[in-house]
């Protein structure tokens, strides 16, 4: 383990701990509010994030919410609002399909399928049943609604830091589900060893790379 890298992580953790805990509380409130449109917005956001900047994706979701297109627009209409999002044609279709499948009569029926499951089981269900959602996106969605705080969101920021800290040797070009679980367990062990919870560590890494605490 690289001592200087670890000291940097601890410094950020100590400095930004209050902000991070507040953000995690905000995530938990999403589920407590149980607003179908808000929950669907979080799902749509996570569907946009592969190979795209999180802030760009969230800005697109905000535009779609404001116009109402997120809730009743066609895939081509959704696509027009995905400025800066990569693979926007496919992603607009994923959003439309998820909406048609799960947002019905002011109910977000997806929650009926995951709320009673463990976070790991819920993630597995999401990957199998939501088109366009892989392990990272499913973990991200569950964390953002307060259900996945022990899951790893293995995006480029997290992987870069895990490599710098020698938790992993290399950043893989692609990550199979088996590989994902292996890296996640390494991160979980590292989290226990340094006494920083997984959900907090994720945001510490993100803050270290971007200078801010986001989603």
N, C-alpha and C. Protein backbone atom coordinates (compact mmCIF):
# COMPACT_ATOMS: atom_id res chain seq x y z
N UNK A 1 0.84 -1.20 0.00
CA UNK A 1 0.00 0.00 0.00
C UNK A 1 0.88 1.25 0.00
N UNK A 2 0.55 2.20 -0.85
CA UNK A 2 1.32 3.43 -0.97
C UNK A 2 0.93 4.38 0.17
N UNK A 3 1.88 4.66 1.07
CA UNK A 3 1.59 5.46 2.26
C UNK A 3 1.19 6.89 1.91
N UNK A 4 1.86 7.50 0.95
CA UNK A 4 1.53 8.88 0.58
C UNK A 4 0.14 8.98 -0.02
N UNK A 5 -0.22 7.99 -0.83
CA UNK A 5 -1.56 7.97 -1.42
C UNK A 5 -2.61 7.79 -0.32
N UNK A 6 -2.32 6.90 0.62
CA UNK A 6 -3.25 6.65 1.70
C UNK A 6 -3.42 7.88 2.59
N UNK A 7 -2.33 8.57 2.85
CA UNK A 7 -2.41 9.80 3.66
C UNK A 7 -3.28 10.85 2.98
N UNK A 8 -3.18 10.91 1.65
CA UNK A 8 -3.99 11.85 0.90
C UNK A 8 -5.48 11.51 1.03
N UNK A 9 -5.78 10.21 0.96
CA UNK A 9 -7.17 9.75 1.11
C UNK A 9 -7.69 10.12 2.50
N UNK A 10 -6.89 9.87 3.53
CA UNK A 10 -7.32 10.18 4.89
C UNK A 10 -7.52 11.69 5.08
N UNK A 11 -6.67 12.49 4.46
CA UNK A 11 -6.80 13.95 4.57
C UNK A 11 -8.12 14.42 3.96
N UNK A 12 -8.44 13.92 2.79
CA UNK A 12 -9.71 14.29 2.14
C UNK A 12 -10.89 13.81 2.98
N UNK A 13 -10.78 12.59 3.50
CA UNK A 13 -11.84 12.04 4.32
C UNK A 13 -12.09 12.92 5.54
N UNK A 14 -11.05 13.29 6.24
CA UNK A 14 -11.19 14.10 7.45
C UNK A 14 -11.71 15.51 7.14
N UNK A 15 -11.27 16.05 6.01
CA UNK A 15 -11.67 17.41 5.63
C UNK A 15 -13.10 17.48 5.12
N UNK A 16 -13.54 16.45 4.38
CA UNK A 16 -14.84 16.51 3.72
C UNK A 16 -15.87 15.54 4.29
N UNK A 17 -15.55 14.95 5.44
CA UNK A 17 -16.42 13.91 6.02
C UNK A 17 -17.85 14.41 6.21
N UNK A 18 -18.01 15.61 6.74
CA UNK A 18 -19.36 16.15 6.98
C UNK A 18 -20.15 16.28 5.70
N UNK A 19 -19.52 16.81 4.65
CA UNK A 19 -20.19 16.98 3.36
C UNK A 19 -20.59 15.63 2.77
N UNK A 20 -19.69 14.66 2.90
CA UNK A 20 -19.97 13.33 2.35
C UNK A 20 -21.13 12.68 3.09
N UNK A 21 -21.15 12.79 4.40
CA UNK A 21 -22.24 12.20 5.17
C UNK A 21 -23.58 12.85 4.83
N UNK A 22 -23.57 14.16 4.58
CA UNK A 22 -24.79 14.85 4.18
C UNK A 22 -25.28 14.36 2.83
N UNK A 23 -24.35 14.13 1.90
CA UNK A 23 -24.74 13.64 0.59
C UNK A 23 -25.34 12.24 0.68
N UNK A 24 -24.76 11.39 1.52
CA UNK A 24 -25.30 10.05 1.70
C UNK A 24 -26.69 10.09 2.32
N UNK A 25 -26.92 11.05 3.22
CA UNK A 25 -28.26 11.23 3.79
C UNK A 25 -29.25 11.62 2.71
N UNK A 26 -28.81 12.49 1.79
CA UNK A 26 -29.66 12.90 0.68
C UNK A 26 -30.04 11.70 -0.18
N UNK A 27 -29.10 10.81 -0.43
CA UNK A 27 -29.39 9.61 -1.21
C UNK A 27 -30.45 8.76 -0.51
N UNK A 28 -30.32 8.60 0.80
CA UNK A 28 -31.28 7.78 1.54
C UNK A 28 -32.68 8.39 1.51
N UNK A 29 -32.76 9.72 1.47
CA UNK A 29 -34.05 10.40 1.45
C UNK A 29 -34.81 10.16 0.15
N UNK A 30 -34.09 9.88 -0.93
CA UNK A 30 -34.75 9.61 -2.21
C UNK A 30 -35.71 8.43 -2.06
N UNK A 31 -35.24 7.37 -1.45
CA UNK A 31 -36.09 6.19 -1.24
C UNK A 31 -37.22 6.49 -0.26
N UNK A 32 -36.92 7.23 0.80
CA UNK A 32 -37.94 7.55 1.79
C UNK A 32 -39.07 8.39 1.21
N UNK A 33 -38.72 9.32 0.31
CA UNK A 33 -39.76 10.13 -0.32
C UNK A 33 -40.64 9.28 -1.23
N UNK A 34 -40.05 8.24 -1.80
CA UNK A 34 -40.79 7.30 -2.64
C UNK A 34 -41.59 8.00 -3.74
N UNK A 35 -40.96 9.00 -4.35
CA UNK A 35 -41.60 9.71 -5.46
C UNK A 35 -41.27 8.96 -6.75
N UNK A 36 -42.28 8.40 -7.42
CA UNK A 36 -42.00 7.57 -8.61
C UNK A 36 -41.18 8.29 -9.67
N UNK A 37 -41.48 9.57 -9.92
CA UNK A 37 -40.76 10.30 -10.96
C UNK A 37 -39.31 10.57 -10.54
N UNK A 38 -39.10 10.85 -9.27
CA UNK A 38 -37.74 11.08 -8.79
C UNK A 38 -36.91 9.80 -8.90
N UNK A 39 -37.50 8.68 -8.50
CA UNK A 39 -36.80 7.40 -8.58
C UNK A 39 -36.48 7.05 -10.03
N UNK A 40 -37.43 7.30 -10.92
CA UNK A 40 -37.18 7.01 -12.32
C UNK A 40 -36.08 7.92 -12.87
N UNK A 41 -36.06 9.16 -12.42
CA UNK A 41 -35.01 10.09 -12.83
C UNK A 41 -33.63 9.58 -12.46
N UNK A 42 -33.50 8.98 -11.28
CA UNK A 42 -32.23 8.42 -10.85
C UNK A 42 -31.84 7.24 -11.73
N UNK A 43 -32.82 6.42 -12.08
CA UNK A 43 -32.54 5.28 -12.96
C UNK A 43 -32.08 5.79 -14.33
N UNK A 44 -32.80 6.77 -14.87
CA UNK A 44 -32.45 7.32 -16.19
C UNK A 44 -31.05 7.93 -16.16
N UNK A 45 -30.72 8.63 -15.10
CA UNK A 45 -29.38 9.22 -14.95
C UNK A 45 -28.30 8.14 -15.05
N UNK A 46 -28.51 7.05 -14.33
CA UNK A 46 -27.50 5.98 -14.33
C UNK A 46 -27.41 5.29 -15.68
N UNK A 47 -28.51 5.26 -16.43
CA UNK A 47 -28.47 4.69 -17.78
C UNK A 47 -27.65 5.56 -18.73
N UNK A 48 -27.53 6.85 -18.43
CA UNK A 48 -26.77 7.75 -19.28
C UNK A 48 -25.27 7.73 -19.01
N UNK A 49 -24.86 7.29 -17.84
CA UNK A 49 -23.49 7.53 -17.39
C UNK A 49 -22.37 6.74 -18.06
N UNK A 50 -22.61 5.55 -18.65
CA UNK A 50 -21.47 4.84 -19.24
C UNK A 50 -20.70 5.70 -20.26
N UNK A 51 -19.41 5.84 -20.02
CA UNK A 51 -18.49 6.58 -20.89
C UNK A 51 -18.89 8.05 -21.09
N UNK A 52 -19.62 8.59 -20.14
CA UNK A 52 -20.01 10.00 -20.21
C UNK A 52 -19.81 10.63 -18.84
N UNK A 53 -19.61 11.94 -18.83
CA UNK A 53 -19.38 12.65 -17.57
C UNK A 53 -20.68 12.71 -16.75
N UNK A 54 -20.56 12.45 -15.46
CA UNK A 54 -21.75 12.42 -14.60
C UNK A 54 -22.49 13.75 -14.59
N UNK A 55 -21.75 14.86 -14.52
CA UNK A 55 -22.41 16.17 -14.47
C UNK A 55 -23.14 16.48 -15.77
N UNK A 56 -22.56 16.05 -16.89
CA UNK A 56 -23.22 16.23 -18.19
C UNK A 56 -24.51 15.43 -18.24
N UNK A 57 -24.45 14.21 -17.72
CA UNK A 57 -25.63 13.34 -17.70
C UNK A 57 -26.73 13.91 -16.80
N UNK A 58 -26.34 14.41 -15.64
CA UNK A 58 -27.35 14.96 -14.73
C UNK A 58 -27.96 16.23 -15.30
N UNK A 59 -27.17 17.03 -15.98
CA UNK A 59 -27.71 18.24 -16.63
C UNK A 59 -28.76 17.84 -17.67
N UNK A 60 -28.50 16.76 -18.40
CA UNK A 60 -29.46 16.27 -19.39
C UNK A 60 -30.75 15.81 -18.72
N UNK A 61 -30.62 15.11 -17.59
CA UNK A 61 -31.81 14.66 -16.86
C UNK A 61 -32.62 15.86 -16.35
N UNK A 62 -31.94 16.87 -15.89
CA UNK A 62 -32.63 18.08 -15.41
C UNK A 62 -33.41 18.74 -16.55
N UNK A 63 -32.82 18.78 -17.75
CA UNK A 63 -33.53 19.34 -18.91
C UNK A 63 -34.75 18.50 -19.25
N UNK A 64 -34.59 17.19 -19.21
CA UNK A 64 -35.68 16.29 -19.54
C UNK A 64 -36.81 16.39 -18.51
N UNK A 65 -36.45 16.58 -17.25
CA UNK A 65 -37.47 16.76 -16.21
C UNK A 65 -38.23 18.06 -16.42
N UNK A 66 -37.49 19.12 -16.68
CA UNK A 66 -38.09 20.45 -16.82
C UNK A 66 -39.10 20.49 -17.97
N UNK A 67 -38.77 19.83 -19.06
CA UNK A 67 -39.66 19.83 -20.22
C UNK A 67 -40.76 18.78 -20.11
N UNK A 68 -40.58 17.82 -19.21
CA UNK A 68 -41.55 16.73 -19.08
C UNK A 68 -41.29 15.59 -20.03
N UNK A 69 -40.30 15.76 -20.91
CA UNK A 69 -40.02 14.74 -21.92
C UNK A 69 -39.53 13.44 -21.28
N UNK A 70 -38.88 13.55 -20.12
CA UNK A 70 -38.42 12.33 -19.44
C UNK A 70 -39.58 11.39 -19.16
N UNK A 71 -40.76 11.96 -18.92
CA UNK A 71 -41.91 11.16 -18.48
C UNK A 71 -42.88 10.78 -19.60
N UNK A 72 -42.83 11.49 -20.72
CA UNK A 72 -43.76 11.12 -21.79
C UNK A 72 -43.21 11.28 -23.21
N UNK A 73 -41.94 11.66 -23.33
CA UNK A 73 -41.36 11.85 -24.66
C UNK A 73 -40.90 10.56 -25.30
N UNK A 74 -40.85 10.56 -26.61
CA UNK A 74 -40.34 9.41 -27.35
C UNK A 74 -38.82 9.38 -27.28
N UNK A 75 -38.23 8.27 -27.70
CA UNK A 75 -36.77 8.17 -27.69
C UNK A 75 -36.11 9.26 -28.53
N UNK A 76 -36.62 9.56 -29.74
CA UNK A 76 -36.01 10.66 -30.51
C UNK A 76 -36.11 12.00 -29.81
N UNK A 77 -37.21 12.26 -29.08
CA UNK A 77 -37.35 13.51 -28.34
C UNK A 77 -36.38 13.55 -27.17
N UNK A 78 -36.22 12.43 -26.50
CA UNK A 78 -35.25 12.35 -25.39
C UNK A 78 -33.84 12.60 -25.92
N UNK A 79 -33.52 11.98 -27.05
CA UNK A 79 -32.18 12.08 -27.62
C UNK A 79 -31.77 13.53 -27.86
N UNK A 80 -32.70 14.37 -28.28
CA UNK A 80 -32.40 15.77 -28.58
C UNK A 80 -31.87 16.52 -27.36
N UNK A 81 -32.18 16.04 -26.17
CA UNK A 81 -31.78 16.72 -24.93
C UNK A 81 -30.51 16.12 -24.32
N UNK A 82 -29.92 15.14 -24.98
CA UNK A 82 -28.74 14.46 -24.42
C UNK A 82 -27.44 15.06 -24.94
N UNK A 83 -27.36 16.36 -24.93
CA UNK A 83 -26.16 17.06 -25.39
C UNK A 83 -24.94 16.65 -24.56
N UNK A 84 -23.89 16.22 -25.24
CA UNK A 84 -22.66 15.84 -24.55
C UNK A 84 -22.63 14.43 -24.02
N UNK A 85 -23.75 13.70 -24.13
CA UNK A 85 -23.82 12.31 -23.67
C UNK A 85 -23.45 11.38 -24.82
N UNK A 86 -22.54 10.48 -24.58
CA UNK A 86 -22.12 9.54 -25.63
C UNK A 86 -23.17 8.44 -25.84
N UNK A 87 -23.25 7.94 -27.05
CA UNK A 87 -24.18 6.87 -27.43
C UNK A 87 -25.62 7.25 -27.11
N UNK A 88 -25.96 8.51 -27.39
CA UNK A 88 -27.25 9.03 -26.95
C UNK A 88 -28.45 8.36 -27.62
N UNK A 89 -28.26 7.86 -28.83
CA UNK A 89 -29.40 7.19 -29.49
C UNK A 89 -29.79 5.93 -28.73
N UNK A 90 -28.81 5.10 -28.43
CA UNK A 90 -29.11 3.88 -27.68
C UNK A 90 -29.64 4.20 -26.29
N UNK A 91 -29.02 5.18 -25.63
CA UNK A 91 -29.41 5.51 -24.26
C UNK A 91 -30.82 6.09 -24.19
N UNK A 92 -31.20 6.86 -25.20
CA UNK A 92 -32.58 7.39 -25.22
C UNK A 92 -33.58 6.25 -25.34
N UNK A 93 -33.21 5.23 -26.09
CA UNK A 93 -34.08 4.06 -26.21
C UNK A 93 -34.16 3.29 -24.89
N UNK A 94 -33.03 3.19 -24.20
CA UNK A 94 -33.05 2.50 -22.90
C UNK A 94 -33.98 3.22 -21.93
N UNK A 95 -33.92 4.55 -21.93
CA UNK A 95 -34.78 5.33 -21.03
C UNK A 95 -36.24 5.11 -21.37
N UNK A 96 -36.57 5.20 -22.65
CA UNK A 96 -37.96 5.01 -23.06
C UNK A 96 -38.45 3.61 -22.69
N UNK A 97 -37.62 2.61 -22.93
CA UNK A 97 -38.02 1.24 -22.62
C UNK A 97 -38.21 1.04 -21.11
N UNK A 98 -37.30 1.59 -20.32
CA UNK A 98 -37.43 1.47 -18.86
C UNK A 98 -38.69 2.18 -18.36
N UNK A 99 -38.98 3.33 -18.93
CA UNK A 99 -40.18 4.08 -18.53
C UNK A 99 -41.44 3.29 -18.85
N UNK A 100 -41.49 2.74 -20.07
CA UNK A 100 -42.67 1.97 -20.48
C UNK A 100 -42.84 0.72 -19.62
N UNK A 101 -41.74 0.20 -19.16
CA UNK A 101 -41.76 -1.04 -18.38
C UNK A 101 -42.06 -0.82 -16.90
N UNK A 102 -41.55 0.28 -16.36
CA UNK A 102 -41.60 0.43 -14.90
C UNK A 102 -42.37 1.63 -14.36
N UNK A 103 -42.62 2.67 -15.15
CA UNK A 103 -43.31 3.86 -14.64
C UNK A 103 -44.76 3.83 -15.13
N UNK A 104 -45.66 3.36 -14.26
CA UNK A 104 -47.05 3.14 -14.68
C UNK A 104 -48.02 3.65 -13.62
N UNK A 105 -49.00 4.45 -14.07
CA UNK A 105 -50.06 4.93 -13.17
C UNK A 105 -49.48 5.56 -11.90
N UNK A 106 -48.48 6.42 -12.10
CA UNK A 106 -47.81 7.11 -10.99
C UNK A 106 -47.21 6.13 -9.98
N UNK A 107 -46.74 5.00 -10.48
CA UNK A 107 -46.05 4.01 -9.66
C UNK A 107 -44.75 3.64 -10.36
N UNK A 108 -43.70 3.48 -9.59
CA UNK A 108 -42.43 3.04 -10.14
C UNK A 108 -42.30 1.58 -9.76
N UNK A 109 -42.82 0.70 -10.62
CA UNK A 109 -42.97 -0.71 -10.25
C UNK A 109 -41.64 -1.44 -10.09
N UNK A 110 -40.57 -0.87 -10.59
CA UNK A 110 -39.26 -1.49 -10.41
C UNK A 110 -38.96 -1.72 -8.94
N UNK A 111 -39.39 -0.79 -8.09
CA UNK A 111 -39.09 -0.89 -6.67
C UNK A 111 -39.71 -2.13 -6.03
N UNK A 112 -40.83 -2.57 -6.59
CA UNK A 112 -41.48 -3.77 -6.06
C UNK A 112 -40.61 -5.01 -6.26
N UNK A 113 -39.71 -4.92 -7.24
CA UNK A 113 -38.85 -6.06 -7.55
C UNK A 113 -37.51 -6.04 -6.83
N UNK A 114 -37.12 -4.89 -6.31
CA UNK A 114 -35.79 -4.83 -5.68
C UNK A 114 -35.82 -4.50 -4.19
N UNK A 115 -36.89 -3.87 -3.70
CA UNK A 115 -36.91 -3.41 -2.30
C UNK A 115 -36.79 -4.55 -1.30
N UNK A 116 -37.32 -5.72 -1.65
CA UNK A 116 -37.29 -6.85 -0.71
C UNK A 116 -36.02 -7.70 -0.86
N UNK A 117 -35.19 -7.37 -1.84
CA UNK A 117 -33.97 -8.13 -2.07
C UNK A 117 -32.79 -7.50 -1.34
N UNK A 118 -31.75 -8.28 -1.13
CA UNK A 118 -30.50 -7.73 -0.60
C UNK A 118 -29.90 -6.85 -1.69
N UNK A 119 -29.00 -5.92 -1.33
CA UNK A 119 -28.38 -5.08 -2.36
C UNK A 119 -27.74 -5.88 -3.50
N UNK A 120 -27.08 -6.99 -3.17
CA UNK A 120 -26.43 -7.81 -4.19
C UNK A 120 -27.46 -8.48 -5.09
N UNK A 121 -28.55 -8.96 -4.49
CA UNK A 121 -29.62 -9.58 -5.28
C UNK A 121 -30.33 -8.54 -6.13
N UNK A 122 -30.52 -7.34 -5.57
CA UNK A 122 -31.18 -6.26 -6.30
C UNK A 122 -30.35 -5.86 -7.51
N UNK A 123 -29.05 -5.78 -7.32
CA UNK A 123 -28.16 -5.44 -8.43
C UNK A 123 -28.24 -6.48 -9.53
N UNK A 124 -28.22 -7.72 -9.14
CA UNK A 124 -28.30 -8.81 -10.12
C UNK A 124 -29.62 -8.72 -10.90
N UNK A 125 -30.70 -8.43 -10.19
CA UNK A 125 -32.01 -8.31 -10.85
C UNK A 125 -32.00 -7.15 -11.84
N UNK A 126 -31.44 -6.02 -11.46
CA UNK A 126 -31.39 -4.86 -12.34
C UNK A 126 -30.60 -5.15 -13.61
N UNK A 127 -29.46 -5.80 -13.46
CA UNK A 127 -28.62 -6.11 -14.62
C UNK A 127 -29.37 -7.01 -15.59
N UNK A 128 -30.15 -7.93 -15.07
CA UNK A 128 -30.88 -8.87 -15.91
C UNK A 128 -32.13 -8.27 -16.53
N UNK A 129 -32.72 -7.27 -15.87
CA UNK A 129 -34.04 -6.80 -16.28
C UNK A 129 -34.13 -5.39 -16.82
N UNK A 130 -33.05 -4.61 -16.72
CA UNK A 130 -33.06 -3.24 -17.24
C UNK A 130 -32.04 -3.15 -18.37
N UNK A 131 -32.53 -2.99 -19.58
CA UNK A 131 -31.65 -2.92 -20.74
C UNK A 131 -30.74 -1.71 -20.65
N UNK A 132 -29.45 -1.91 -20.90
CA UNK A 132 -28.48 -0.83 -20.83
C UNK A 132 -27.83 -0.67 -19.48
N UNK A 133 -28.20 -1.52 -18.53
CA UNK A 133 -27.68 -1.39 -17.16
C UNK A 133 -26.73 -2.55 -16.85
N UNK A 134 -25.47 -2.20 -16.57
CA UNK A 134 -24.49 -3.19 -16.16
C UNK A 134 -24.25 -3.12 -14.66
N UNK A 135 -23.23 -3.80 -14.20
CA UNK A 135 -22.94 -3.86 -12.76
C UNK A 135 -22.67 -2.47 -12.19
N UNK A 136 -21.88 -1.68 -12.89
CA UNK A 136 -21.55 -0.34 -12.38
C UNK A 136 -22.79 0.53 -12.29
N UNK A 137 -23.60 0.54 -13.34
CA UNK A 137 -24.79 1.40 -13.37
C UNK A 137 -25.82 0.96 -12.32
N UNK A 138 -25.98 -0.36 -12.16
CA UNK A 138 -26.91 -0.87 -11.15
C UNK A 138 -26.44 -0.51 -9.74
N UNK A 139 -25.13 -0.62 -9.50
CA UNK A 139 -24.57 -0.25 -8.20
C UNK A 139 -24.78 1.25 -7.95
N UNK A 140 -24.57 2.04 -8.99
CA UNK A 140 -24.72 3.50 -8.90
C UNK A 140 -26.15 3.86 -8.55
N UNK A 141 -27.11 3.26 -9.25
CA UNK A 141 -28.52 3.53 -8.98
C UNK A 141 -28.89 3.17 -7.55
N UNK A 142 -28.49 1.99 -7.11
CA UNK A 142 -28.84 1.56 -5.75
C UNK A 142 -28.21 2.48 -4.70
N UNK A 143 -26.96 2.90 -4.91
CA UNK A 143 -26.33 3.82 -3.98
C UNK A 143 -27.08 5.15 -3.95
N UNK A 144 -27.50 5.63 -5.12
CA UNK A 144 -28.15 6.94 -5.20
C UNK A 144 -29.55 6.97 -4.62
N UNK A 145 -30.11 5.80 -4.32
CA UNK A 145 -31.41 5.77 -3.64
C UNK A 145 -31.28 5.16 -2.23
N UNK A 146 -30.03 5.06 -1.77
CA UNK A 146 -29.80 4.62 -0.39
C UNK A 146 -29.87 3.14 -0.14
N UNK A 147 -29.75 2.32 -1.20
CA UNK A 147 -29.86 0.87 -1.03
C UNK A 147 -28.57 0.11 -1.31
N UNK A 148 -27.51 0.82 -1.72
CA UNK A 148 -26.32 0.10 -2.12
C UNK A 148 -25.04 0.65 -1.55
N UNK A 149 -25.03 1.00 -0.28
CA UNK A 149 -23.86 1.65 0.30
C UNK A 149 -22.65 0.73 0.47
N UNK A 150 -22.86 -0.59 0.34
CA UNK A 150 -21.73 -1.52 0.45
C UNK A 150 -21.32 -2.05 -0.93
N UNK A 151 -21.86 -1.44 -1.98
CA UNK A 151 -21.52 -1.85 -3.34
C UNK A 151 -20.50 -0.89 -3.94
N UNK A 152 -19.67 -1.40 -4.83
CA UNK A 152 -18.66 -0.57 -5.48
C UNK A 152 -19.18 -0.05 -6.82
N UNK A 153 -18.94 1.22 -7.08
CA UNK A 153 -19.27 1.82 -8.38
C UNK A 153 -17.96 1.96 -9.13
N UNK A 154 -17.61 0.95 -9.89
CA UNK A 154 -16.27 0.88 -10.47
C UNK A 154 -16.16 1.69 -11.76
N UNK A 155 -16.20 3.01 -11.60
CA UNK A 155 -15.97 3.88 -12.75
C UNK A 155 -14.48 4.20 -12.84
N UNK A 156 -14.11 5.03 -13.82
CA UNK A 156 -12.68 5.30 -14.04
C UNK A 156 -12.02 5.99 -12.85
N UNK A 157 -12.78 6.85 -12.12
CA UNK A 157 -12.20 7.52 -10.95
C UNK A 157 -11.85 6.51 -9.86
N UNK A 158 -12.76 5.58 -9.62
CA UNK A 158 -12.54 4.59 -8.57
C UNK A 158 -11.39 3.66 -8.94
N UNK A 159 -11.40 3.17 -10.17
CA UNK A 159 -10.35 2.25 -10.61
C UNK A 159 -8.97 2.91 -10.58
N UNK A 160 -8.91 4.16 -10.98
CA UNK A 160 -7.64 4.88 -10.96
C UNK A 160 -7.08 4.96 -9.55
N UNK A 161 -7.94 5.24 -8.58
CA UNK A 161 -7.49 5.34 -7.20
C UNK A 161 -7.14 3.97 -6.62
N UNK A 162 -7.89 2.95 -6.97
CA UNK A 162 -7.57 1.60 -6.49
C UNK A 162 -6.20 1.16 -7.00
N UNK A 163 -5.89 1.52 -8.20
CA UNK A 163 -4.57 1.19 -8.76
C UNK A 163 -3.47 1.99 -8.04
N UNK A 164 -3.71 3.28 -7.83
CA UNK A 164 -2.72 4.12 -7.16
C UNK A 164 -2.43 3.63 -5.75
N UNK A 165 -3.45 3.09 -5.09
CA UNK A 165 -3.32 2.58 -3.74
C UNK A 165 -2.85 1.12 -3.69
N UNK A 166 -2.62 0.56 -4.89
CA UNK A 166 -2.14 -0.82 -5.04
C UNK A 166 -3.16 -1.85 -4.53
N UNK A 167 -4.43 -1.47 -4.57
CA UNK A 167 -5.50 -2.42 -4.26
C UNK A 167 -5.68 -3.37 -5.44
N UNK A 168 -5.50 -2.82 -6.65
CA UNK A 168 -5.48 -3.64 -7.86
C UNK A 168 -4.17 -3.33 -8.61
N UNK A 169 -3.73 -4.29 -9.40
CA UNK A 169 -2.46 -4.11 -10.10
C UNK A 169 -2.61 -3.22 -11.33
N UNK A 170 -3.66 -3.50 -12.11
CA UNK A 170 -3.89 -2.76 -13.35
C UNK A 170 -5.36 -2.41 -13.48
N UNK A 171 -5.65 -1.42 -14.31
CA UNK A 171 -7.03 -1.08 -14.64
C UNK A 171 -7.43 -1.93 -15.84
N UNK A 172 -8.40 -2.82 -15.67
CA UNK A 172 -8.76 -3.71 -16.79
C UNK A 172 -9.42 -2.94 -17.93
N UNK A 173 -9.18 -3.41 -19.16
CA UNK A 173 -9.78 -2.78 -20.33
C UNK A 173 -11.30 -3.00 -20.34
N UNK A 174 -11.72 -4.14 -19.85
CA UNK A 174 -13.14 -4.44 -19.70
C UNK A 174 -13.32 -5.25 -18.43
N UNK A 175 -14.52 -5.21 -17.87
CA UNK A 175 -14.76 -5.88 -16.59
C UNK A 175 -15.95 -6.81 -16.70
N UNK A 176 -15.71 -8.10 -16.64
CA UNK A 176 -16.79 -9.08 -16.61
C UNK A 176 -17.44 -9.04 -15.23
N UNK A 177 -18.65 -9.58 -15.09
CA UNK A 177 -19.28 -9.63 -13.75
C UNK A 177 -18.39 -10.30 -12.71
N UNK A 178 -17.71 -11.37 -13.10
CA UNK A 178 -16.82 -12.07 -12.16
C UNK A 178 -15.67 -11.16 -11.74
N UNK A 179 -15.07 -10.47 -12.70
CA UNK A 179 -13.98 -9.55 -12.40
C UNK A 179 -14.47 -8.39 -11.54
N UNK A 180 -15.66 -7.92 -11.85
CA UNK A 180 -16.25 -6.81 -11.07
C UNK A 180 -16.36 -7.20 -9.60
N UNK A 181 -16.89 -8.39 -9.35
CA UNK A 181 -17.06 -8.84 -7.97
C UNK A 181 -15.71 -9.01 -7.27
N UNK A 182 -14.71 -9.45 -8.02
CA UNK A 182 -13.38 -9.62 -7.45
C UNK A 182 -12.78 -8.27 -7.03
N UNK A 183 -12.89 -7.28 -7.91
CA UNK A 183 -12.36 -5.95 -7.58
C UNK A 183 -13.17 -5.33 -6.45
N UNK A 184 -14.47 -5.52 -6.49
CA UNK A 184 -15.33 -4.99 -5.43
C UNK A 184 -14.93 -5.55 -4.07
N UNK A 185 -14.64 -6.83 -4.01
CA UNK A 185 -14.25 -7.45 -2.74
C UNK A 185 -12.89 -6.91 -2.28
N UNK A 186 -11.99 -6.66 -3.21
CA UNK A 186 -10.70 -6.06 -2.85
C UNK A 186 -10.91 -4.66 -2.26
N UNK A 187 -11.80 -3.89 -2.89
CA UNK A 187 -12.10 -2.56 -2.39
C UNK A 187 -12.77 -2.63 -1.01
N UNK A 188 -13.64 -3.62 -0.84
CA UNK A 188 -14.33 -3.78 0.44
C UNK A 188 -13.33 -4.10 1.55
N UNK A 189 -12.38 -4.98 1.25
CA UNK A 189 -11.35 -5.32 2.24
C UNK A 189 -10.49 -4.10 2.57
N UNK A 190 -10.12 -3.34 1.54
CA UNK A 190 -9.34 -2.12 1.75
C UNK A 190 -10.13 -1.14 2.62
N UNK A 191 -11.42 -1.02 2.35
CA UNK A 191 -12.29 -0.15 3.13
C UNK A 191 -12.28 -0.53 4.61
N UNK A 192 -12.39 -1.84 4.86
CA UNK A 192 -12.36 -2.31 6.26
C UNK A 192 -11.01 -2.04 6.89
N UNK A 193 -9.95 -2.29 6.15
CA UNK A 193 -8.60 -2.14 6.69
C UNK A 193 -8.29 -0.71 7.12
N UNK A 194 -8.80 0.28 6.36
CA UNK A 194 -8.49 1.68 6.69
C UNK A 194 -9.61 2.35 7.48
N UNK A 195 -10.72 1.64 7.70
CA UNK A 195 -11.78 2.17 8.54
C UNK A 195 -12.63 3.27 7.90
N UNK A 196 -12.72 3.25 6.57
CA UNK A 196 -13.59 4.20 5.86
C UNK A 196 -14.65 3.39 5.12
N UNK A 197 -15.94 3.57 5.43
CA UNK A 197 -16.99 2.78 4.78
C UNK A 197 -16.96 2.88 3.26
N UNK A 198 -17.43 1.85 2.59
CA UNK A 198 -17.40 1.79 1.12
C UNK A 198 -18.07 3.01 0.49
N UNK A 199 -19.25 3.36 0.96
CA UNK A 199 -19.99 4.47 0.35
C UNK A 199 -19.23 5.78 0.51
N UNK A 200 -18.58 5.95 1.66
CA UNK A 200 -17.80 7.16 1.91
C UNK A 200 -16.54 7.14 1.05
N UNK A 201 -15.89 5.99 0.97
CA UNK A 201 -14.65 5.86 0.20
C UNK A 201 -14.89 6.20 -1.27
N UNK A 202 -16.01 5.77 -1.80
CA UNK A 202 -16.37 6.08 -3.18
C UNK A 202 -16.39 7.59 -3.41
N UNK A 203 -17.03 8.32 -2.52
CA UNK A 203 -17.13 9.77 -2.67
C UNK A 203 -15.80 10.47 -2.38
N UNK A 204 -14.98 9.88 -1.51
CA UNK A 204 -13.63 10.42 -1.28
C UNK A 204 -12.81 10.32 -2.56
N UNK A 205 -12.86 9.15 -3.20
CA UNK A 205 -12.14 8.97 -4.47
C UNK A 205 -12.64 9.96 -5.52
N UNK A 206 -13.96 10.11 -5.59
CA UNK A 206 -14.55 11.01 -6.59
C UNK A 206 -14.11 12.44 -6.33
N UNK A 207 -14.13 12.82 -5.07
CA UNK A 207 -13.69 14.16 -4.68
C UNK A 207 -12.22 14.38 -4.99
N UNK A 208 -11.44 13.36 -4.78
CA UNK A 208 -10.01 13.46 -5.05
C UNK A 208 -9.74 13.73 -6.53
N UNK A 209 -10.54 13.13 -7.40
CA UNK A 209 -10.34 13.29 -8.83
C UNK A 209 -10.96 14.57 -9.39
N UNK A 210 -12.09 14.97 -8.85
CA UNK A 210 -12.85 16.08 -9.44
C UNK A 210 -12.88 17.33 -8.58
N UNK A 211 -12.51 17.20 -7.29
CA UNK A 211 -12.56 18.33 -6.38
C UNK A 211 -13.93 18.61 -5.80
N UNK A 212 -14.90 17.77 -6.13
CA UNK A 212 -16.25 18.00 -5.61
C UNK A 212 -16.93 16.69 -5.24
N UNK A 213 -18.03 16.82 -4.52
CA UNK A 213 -18.82 15.67 -4.10
C UNK A 213 -20.12 15.74 -4.89
N UNK A 214 -20.32 14.76 -5.76
CA UNK A 214 -21.49 14.84 -6.64
C UNK A 214 -22.41 13.65 -6.45
N UNK A 215 -22.70 12.92 -7.51
CA UNK A 215 -23.63 11.79 -7.44
C UNK A 215 -22.92 10.50 -7.85
